[in-house]
Amino acid sequence: MTFSHPPHPAATDAVRAYTAKTRENADQFAAALEDIATNGLPVVEDCTPWEELREAHLARLASQRPTVA
């Protein structure tokens, strides 16, 4: 494959960073699926309801948001 001009270094770095993050996420997901395949699903009592996870995540996002004076 030939290109008309070389990619910009910042663009190359951004694509590599995105690729690394995507690969990391895929590896984590695959590990979770392998654990389920090996051990089965956890019992309901040991799980955190998704609503609690959502609220905790929204609280983290809100705490990172800059405040307006």
PDB file of N, CA and C in Angstrom:
ATOM      1  N   MET A   1       0.841  -1.163   0.000  1.00  0.00           N
ATOM      2  CA  MET A   1       0.000   0.000   0.000  1.00  0.00           C
ATOM      3  C   MET A   1       0.896   1.240   0.000  1.00  0.00           C
ATOM      4  N   THR A   2       0.608   2.160  -0.864  1.00  0.00           N
ATOM      5  CA  THR A   2       1.366   3.402  -0.921  1.00  0.00           C
ATOM      6  C   THR A   2       0.467   4.561  -0.529  1.00  0.00           C
ATOM      7  N   PHE A   3       1.073   5.561   0.067  1.00  0.00           N
ATOM      8  CA  PHE A   3       0.344   6.744   0.513  1.00  0.00           C
ATOM      9  C   PHE A   3       0.880   7.955  -0.220  1.00  0.00           C
ATOM     10  N   SER A   4      -0.003   8.937  -0.411  1.00  0.00           N
ATOM     11  CA  SER A   4       0.415  10.139  -1.128  1.00  0.00           C
ATOM     12  C   SER A   4       1.335  11.010  -0.284  1.00  0.00           C
ATOM     13  N   HIS A   5       1.192  10.938   1.034  1.00  0.00           N
ATOM     14  CA  HIS A   5       2.069  11.690   1.933  1.00  0.00           C
ATOM     15  C   HIS A   5       2.114  10.974   3.280  1.00  0.00           C
ATOM     16  N   PRO A   6       3.182  11.128   4.007  1.00  0.00           N
ATOM     17  CA  PRO A   6       3.289  10.436   5.305  1.00  0.00           C
ATOM     18  C   PRO A   6       2.296  11.028   6.313  1.00  0.00           C
ATOM     19  N   PRO A   7       1.802  10.200   7.224  1.00  0.00           N
ATOM     20  CA  PRO A   7       0.867  10.717   8.237  1.00  0.00           C
ATOM     21  C   PRO A   7       1.569  11.669   9.199  1.00  0.00           C
ATOM     22  N   HIS A   8       0.787  12.560   9.747  1.00  0.00           N
ATOM     23  CA  HIS A   8       1.301  13.523  10.726  1.00  0.00           C
ATOM     24  C   HIS A   8       1.683  12.765  11.997  1.00  0.00           C
ATOM     25  N   PRO A   9       2.832  13.067  12.612  1.00  0.00           N
ATOM     26  CA  PRO A   9       3.265  12.334  13.815  1.00  0.00           C
ATOM     27  C   PRO A   9       2.229  12.356  14.944  1.00  0.00           C
ATOM     28  N   ALA A  10       1.559  13.475  15.139  1.00  0.00           N
ATOM     29  CA  ALA A  10       0.558  13.539  16.215  1.00  0.00           C
ATOM     30  C   ALA A  10      -0.614  12.617  15.909  1.00  0.00           C
ATOM     31  N   ALA A  11      -0.998  12.526  14.651  1.00  0.00           N
ATOM     32  CA  ALA A  11      -2.081  11.627  14.270  1.00  0.00           C
ATOM     33  C   ALA A  11      -1.664  10.175  14.472  1.00  0.00           C
ATOM     34  N   THR A  12      -0.447   9.868  14.109  1.00  0.00           N
ATOM     35  CA  THR A  12       0.067   8.518  14.302  1.00  0.00           C
ATOM     36  C   THR A  12       0.059   8.152  15.782  1.00  0.00           C
ATOM     37  N   ASP A  13       0.504   9.062  16.629  1.00  0.00           N
ATOM     38  CA  ASP A  13       0.511   8.808  18.077  1.00  0.00           C
ATOM     39  C   ASP A  13      -0.903   8.613  18.608  1.00  0.00           C
ATOM     40  N   ALA A  14      -1.840   9.418  18.121  1.00  0.00           N
ATOM     41  CA  ALA A  14      -3.225   9.302  18.577  1.00  0.00           C
ATOM     42  C   ALA A  14      -3.823   7.959  18.176  1.00  0.00           C
ATOM     43  N   VAL A  15      -3.558   7.525  16.956  1.00  0.00           N
ATOM     44  CA  VAL A  15      -4.081   6.241  16.499  1.00  0.00           C
ATOM     45  C   VAL A  15      -3.458   5.099  17.297  1.00  0.00           C
ATOM     46  N   ARG A  16      -2.176   5.185  17.572  1.00  0.00           N
ATOM     47  CA  ARG A  16      -1.527   4.135  18.372  1.00  0.00           C
ATOM     48  C   ARG A  16      -2.078   4.094  19.798  1.00  0.00           C
ATOM     49  N   ALA A  17      -2.334   5.255  20.383  1.00  0.00           N
ATOM     50  CA  ALA A  17      -2.896   5.305  21.734  1.00  0.00           C
ATOM     51  C   ALA A  17      -4.308   4.710  21.745  1.00  0.00           C
ATOM     52  N   TYR A  18      -5.096   5.052  20.742  1.00  0.00           N
ATOM     53  CA  TYR A  18      -6.453   4.507  20.633  1.00  0.00           C
ATOM     54  C   TYR A  18      -6.407   2.987  20.464  1.00  0.00           C
ATOM     55  N   THR A  19      -5.506   2.526  19.623  1.00  0.00           N
ATOM     56  CA  THR A  19      -5.354   1.091  19.393  1.00  0.00           C
ATOM     57  C   THR A  19      -4.970   0.371  20.682  1.00  0.00           C
ATOM     58  N   ALA A  20      -4.036   0.933  21.431  1.00  0.00           N
ATOM     59  CA  ALA A  20      -3.602   0.310  22.683  1.00  0.00           C
ATOM     60  C   ALA A  20      -4.755   0.239  23.685  1.00  0.00           C
ATOM     61  N   LYS A  21      -5.526   1.307  23.802  1.00  0.00           N
ATOM     62  CA  LYS A  21      -6.657   1.335  24.739  1.00  0.00           C
ATOM     63  C   LYS A  21      -7.725   0.337  24.303  1.00  0.00           C
ATOM     64  N   THR A  22      -7.999   0.272  23.005  1.00  0.00           N
ATOM     65  CA  THR A  22      -8.985  -0.673  22.497  1.00  0.00           C
ATOM     66  C   THR A  22      -8.541  -2.107  22.751  1.00  0.00           C
ATOM     67  N   ARG A  23      -7.267  -2.387  22.541  1.00  0.00           N
ATOM     68  CA  ARG A  23      -6.730  -3.726  22.791  1.00  0.00           C
ATOM     69  C   ARG A  23      -6.828  -4.069  24.282  1.00  0.00           C
ATOM     70  N   GLU A  24      -6.514  -3.112  25.136  1.00  0.00           N
ATOM     71  CA  GLU A  24      -6.611  -3.332  26.584  1.00  0.00           C
ATOM     72  C   GLU A  24      -8.051  -3.653  26.984  1.00  0.00           C
ATOM     73  N   ASN A  25      -9.006  -2.901  26.454  1.00  0.00           N
ATOM     74  CA  ASN A  25     -10.416  -3.156  26.765  1.00  0.00           C
ATOM     75  C   ASN A  25     -10.849  -4.533  26.272  1.00  0.00           C
ATOM     76  N   ALA A  26     -10.419  -4.906  25.085  1.00  0.00           N
ATOM     77  CA  ALA A  26     -10.765  -6.219  24.533  1.00  0.00           C
ATOM     78  C   ALA A  26     -10.163  -7.332  25.382  1.00  0.00           C
ATOM     79  N   ASP A  27      -8.939  -7.145  25.850  1.00  0.00           N
ATOM     80  CA  ASP A  27      -8.296  -8.147  26.702  1.00  0.00           C
ATOM     81  C   ASP A  27      -9.044  -8.315  28.020  1.00  0.00           C
ATOM     82  N   GLN A  28      -9.505  -7.202  28.607  1.00  0.00           N
ATOM     83  CA  GLN A  28     -10.262  -7.277  29.860  1.00  0.00           C
ATOM     84  C   GLN A  28     -11.590  -7.992  29.645  1.00  0.00           C
ATOM     85  N   PHE A  29     -12.248  -7.687  28.542  1.00  0.00           N
ATOM     86  CA  PHE A  29     -13.520  -8.325  28.237  1.00  0.00           C
ATOM     87  C   PHE A  29     -13.328  -9.826  28.008  1.00  0.00           C
ATOM     88  N   ALA A  30     -12.294 -10.181  27.261  1.00  0.00           N
ATOM     89  CA  ALA A  30     -12.004 -11.595  27.000  1.00  0.00           C
ATOM     90  C   ALA A  30     -11.703 -12.328  28.308  1.00  0.00           C
ATOM     91  N   ALA A  31     -10.970 -11.702  29.207  1.00  0.00           N
ATOM     92  CA  ALA A  31     -10.656 -12.331  30.487  1.00  0.00           C
ATOM     93  C   ALA A  31     -11.921 -12.564  31.305  1.00  0.00           C
ATOM     94  N   ALA A  32     -12.840 -11.604  31.275  1.00  0.00           N
ATOM     95  CA  ALA A  32     -14.103 -11.771  31.995  1.00  0.00           C
ATOM     96  C   ALA A  32     -14.912 -12.927  31.415  1.00  0.00           C
ATOM     97  N   LEU A  33     -14.962 -13.016  30.097  1.00  0.00           N
ATOM     98  CA  LEU A  33     -15.691 -14.110  29.460  1.00  0.00           C
ATOM     99  C   LEU A  33     -15.043 -15.461  29.753  1.00  0.00           C
ATOM    100  N   GLU A  34     -13.715 -15.504  29.765  1.00  0.00           N
ATOM    101  CA  GLU A  34     -13.018 -16.752  30.087  1.00  0.00           C
ATOM    102  C   GLU A  34     -13.312 -17.177  31.521  1.00  0.00           C
ATOM    103  N   ASP A  35     -13.362 -16.202  32.428  1.00  0.00           N
ATOM    104  CA  ASP A  35     -13.675 -16.506  33.826  1.00  0.00           C
ATOM    105  C   ASP A  35     -15.085 -17.070  33.947  1.00  0.00           C
ATOM    106  N   ILE A  36     -16.041 -16.482  33.217  1.00  0.00           N
ATOM    107  CA  ILE A  36     -17.413 -16.985  33.245  1.00  0.00           C
ATOM    108  C   ILE A  36     -17.463 -18.395  32.662  1.00  0.00           C
ATOM    109  N   ALA A  37     -16.733 -18.615  31.563  1.00  0.00           N
ATOM    110  CA  ALA A  37     -16.723 -19.943  30.940  1.00  0.00           C
ATOM    111  C   ALA A  37     -16.135 -20.985  31.880  1.00  0.00           C
ATOM    112  N   THR A  38     -15.133 -20.609  32.662  1.00  0.00           N
ATOM    113  CA  THR A  38     -14.472 -21.543  33.570  1.00  0.00           C
ATOM    114  C   THR A  38     -15.272 -21.762  34.845  1.00  0.00           C
ATOM    115  N   ASN A  39     -15.769 -20.674  35.427  1.00  0.00           N
ATOM    116  CA  ASN A  39     -16.381 -20.746  36.754  1.00  0.00           C
ATOM    117  C   ASN A  39     -17.888 -20.577  36.773  1.00  0.00           C
ATOM    118  N   GLY A  40     -18.476 -20.199  35.655  1.00  0.00           N
ATOM    119  CA  GLY A  40     -19.905 -19.914  35.630  1.00  0.00           C
ATOM    120  C   GLY A  40     -20.170 -18.503  36.134  1.00  0.00           C
ATOM    121  N   LEU A  41     -21.432 -18.145  36.128  1.00  0.00           N
ATOM    122  CA  LEU A  41     -21.809 -16.812  36.603  1.00  0.00           C
ATOM    123  C   LEU A  41     -21.754 -16.752  38.121  1.00  0.00           C
ATOM    124  N   PRO A  42     -21.415 -15.599  38.676  1.00  0.00           N
ATOM    125  CA  PRO A  42     -21.419 -15.475  40.139  1.00  0.00           C
ATOM    126  C   PRO A  42     -22.856 -15.504  40.672  1.00  0.00           C
ATOM    127  N   VAL A  43     -22.995 -15.842  41.929  1.00  0.00           N
ATOM    128  CA  VAL A  43     -24.328 -15.825  42.542  1.00  0.00           C
ATOM    129  C   VAL A  43     -24.805 -14.388  42.656  1.00  0.00           C
ATOM    130  N   VAL A  44     -26.084 -14.204  42.558  1.00  0.00           N
ATOM    131  CA  VAL A  44     -26.673 -12.865  42.535  1.00  0.00           C
ATOM    132  C   VAL A  44     -26.296 -12.068  43.778  1.00  0.00           C
ATOM    133  N   GLU A  45     -26.239 -12.717  44.912  1.00  0.00           N
ATOM    134  CA  GLU A  45     -25.938 -12.018  46.166  1.00  0.00           C
ATOM    135  C   GLU A  45     -24.540 -11.410  46.174  1.00  0.00           C
ATOM    136  N   ASP A  46     -23.629 -11.933  45.362  1.00  0.00           N
ATOM    137  CA  ASP A  46     -22.261 -11.418  45.307  1.00  0.00           C
ATOM    138  C   ASP A  46     -22.086 -10.315  44.260  1.00  0.00           C
ATOM    139  N   CYS A  47     -23.156  -9.991  43.548  1.00  0.00           N
ATOM    140  CA  CYS A  47     -23.065  -9.013  42.459  1.00  0.00           C
ATOM    141  C   CYS A  47     -23.549  -7.630  42.917  1.00  0.00           C
ATOM    142  N   THR A  48     -23.037  -6.615  42.275  1.00  0.00           N
ATOM    143  CA  THR A  48     -23.480  -5.243  42.509  1.00  0.00           C
ATOM    144  C   THR A  48     -24.505  -4.894  41.444  1.00  0.00           C
ATOM    145  N   PRO A  49     -25.692  -4.427  41.858  1.00  0.00           N
ATOM    146  CA  PRO A  49     -26.701  -4.054  40.853  1.00  0.00           C
ATOM    147  C   PRO A  49     -26.164  -2.986  39.899  1.00  0.00           C
ATOM    148  N   TRP A  50     -26.561  -3.083  38.642  1.00  0.00           N
ATOM    149  CA  TRP A  50     -26.043  -2.156  37.641  1.00  0.00           C
ATOM    150  C   TRP A  50     -26.414  -0.721  37.958  1.00  0.00           C
ATOM    151  N   GLU A  51     -27.549  -0.505  38.640  1.00  0.00           N
ATOM    152  CA  GLU A  51     -27.943   0.860  38.998  1.00  0.00           C
ATOM    153  C   GLU A  51     -26.924   1.499  39.934  1.00  0.00           C
ATOM    154  N   GLU A  52     -26.400   0.707  40.867  1.00  0.00           N
ATOM    155  CA  GLU A  52     -25.389   1.230  41.791  1.00  0.00           C
ATOM    156  C   GLU A  52     -24.094   1.545  41.040  1.00  0.00           C
ATOM    157  N   LEU A  53     -23.723   0.668  40.119  1.00  0.00           N
ATOM    158  CA  LEU A  53     -22.520   0.918  39.320  1.00  0.00           C
ATOM    159  C   LEU A  53     -22.682   2.175  38.484  1.00  0.00           C
ATOM    160  N   ARG A  54     -23.860   2.334  37.874  1.00  0.00           N
ATOM    161  CA  ARG A  54     -24.132   3.523  37.058  1.00  0.00           C
ATOM    162  C   ARG A  54     -24.038   4.787  37.898  1.00  0.00           C
ATOM    163  N   GLU A  55     -24.679   4.799  39.051  1.00  0.00           N
ATOM    164  CA  GLU A  55     -24.677   5.982  39.902  1.00  0.00           C
ATOM    165  C   GLU A  55     -23.271   6.330  40.381  1.00  0.00           C
ATOM    166  N   ALA A  56     -22.486   5.313  40.712  1.00  0.00           N
ATOM    167  CA  ALA A  56     -21.103   5.559  41.141  1.00  0.00           C
ATOM    168  C   ALA A  56     -20.290   6.152  39.995  1.00  0.00           C
ATOM    169  N   HIS A  57     -20.515   5.640  38.794  1.00  0.00           N
ATOM    170  CA  HIS A  57     -19.783   6.164  37.626  1.00  0.00           C
ATOM    171  C   HIS A  57     -20.208   7.604  37.334  1.00  0.00           C
ATOM    172  N   LEU A  58     -21.495   7.881  37.402  1.00  0.00           N
ATOM    173  CA  LEU A  58     -21.972   9.252  37.169  1.00  0.00           C
ATOM    174  C   LEU A  58     -21.430  10.208  38.229  1.00  0.00           C
ATOM    175  N   ALA A  59     -21.322   9.746  39.456  1.00  0.00           N
ATOM    176  CA  ALA A  59     -20.759  10.585  40.521  1.00  0.00           C
ATOM    177  C   ALA A  59     -19.287  10.884  40.241  1.00  0.00           C
ATOM    178  N   ARG A  60     -18.535   9.866  39.763  1.00  0.00           N
ATOM    179  CA  ARG A  60     -17.126  10.095  39.409  1.00  0.00           C
ATOM    180  C   ARG A  60     -17.017  11.120  38.289  1.00  0.00           C
ATOM    181  N   LEU A  61     -17.867  10.979  37.283  1.00  0.00           N
ATOM    182  CA  LEU A  61     -17.835  11.934  36.172  1.00  0.00           C
ATOM    183  C   LEU A  61     -18.171  13.344  36.653  1.00  0.00           C
ATOM    184  N   ALA A  62     -19.173  13.460  37.511  1.00  0.00           N
ATOM    185  CA  ALA A  62     -19.573  14.771  38.028  1.00  0.00           C
ATOM    186  C   ALA A  62     -18.463  15.402  38.856  1.00  0.00           C
ATOM    187  N   SER A  63     -17.714  14.585  39.599  1.00  0.00           N
ATOM    188  CA  SER A  63     -16.637  15.135  40.429  1.00  0.00           C
ATOM    189  C   SER A  63     -15.465  15.618  39.576  1.00  0.00           C
ATOM    190  N   GLN A  64     -15.337  15.108  38.359  1.00  0.00           N
ATOM    191  CA  GLN A  64     -14.254  15.520  37.467  1.00  0.00           C
ATOM    192  C   GLN A  64     -14.627  16.761  36.666  1.00  0.00           C
ATOM    193  N   ARG A  65     -15.886  17.098  36.638  1.00  0.00           N
ATOM    194  CA  ARG A  65     -16.368  18.237  35.872  1.00  0.00           C
ATOM    195  C   ARG A  65     -15.976  19.535  36.565  1.00  0.00           C
ATOM    196  N   PRO A  66     -15.453  20.486  35.830  1.00  0.00           N
ATOM    197  CA  PRO A  66     -15.103  21.760  36.468  1.00  0.00           C
ATOM    198  C   PRO A  66     -16.355  22.502  36.921  1.00  0.00           C
ATOM    199  N   THR A  67     -16.239  23.176  38.056  1.00  0.00           N
ATOM    200  CA  THR A  67     -17.392  23.907  38.586  1.00  0.00           C
ATOM    201  C   THR A  67     -17.370  25.355  38.071  1.00  0.00           C
ATOM    202  N   VAL A  68     -18.545  25.915  37.933  1.00  0.00           N
ATOM    203  CA  VAL A  68     -18.679  27.296  37.484  1.00  0.00           C
ATOM    204  C   VAL A  68     -18.816  28.176  38.709  1.00  0.00           C
ATOM    205  N   ALA A  69     -18.012  29.220  38.781  1.00  0.00           N
ATOM    206  CA  ALA A  69     -18.056  30.098  39.947  1.00  0.00           C
ATOM    207  C   ALA A  69     -19.134  31.131  39.829  1.00  0.00           C
TER     208      ALA A  69
END
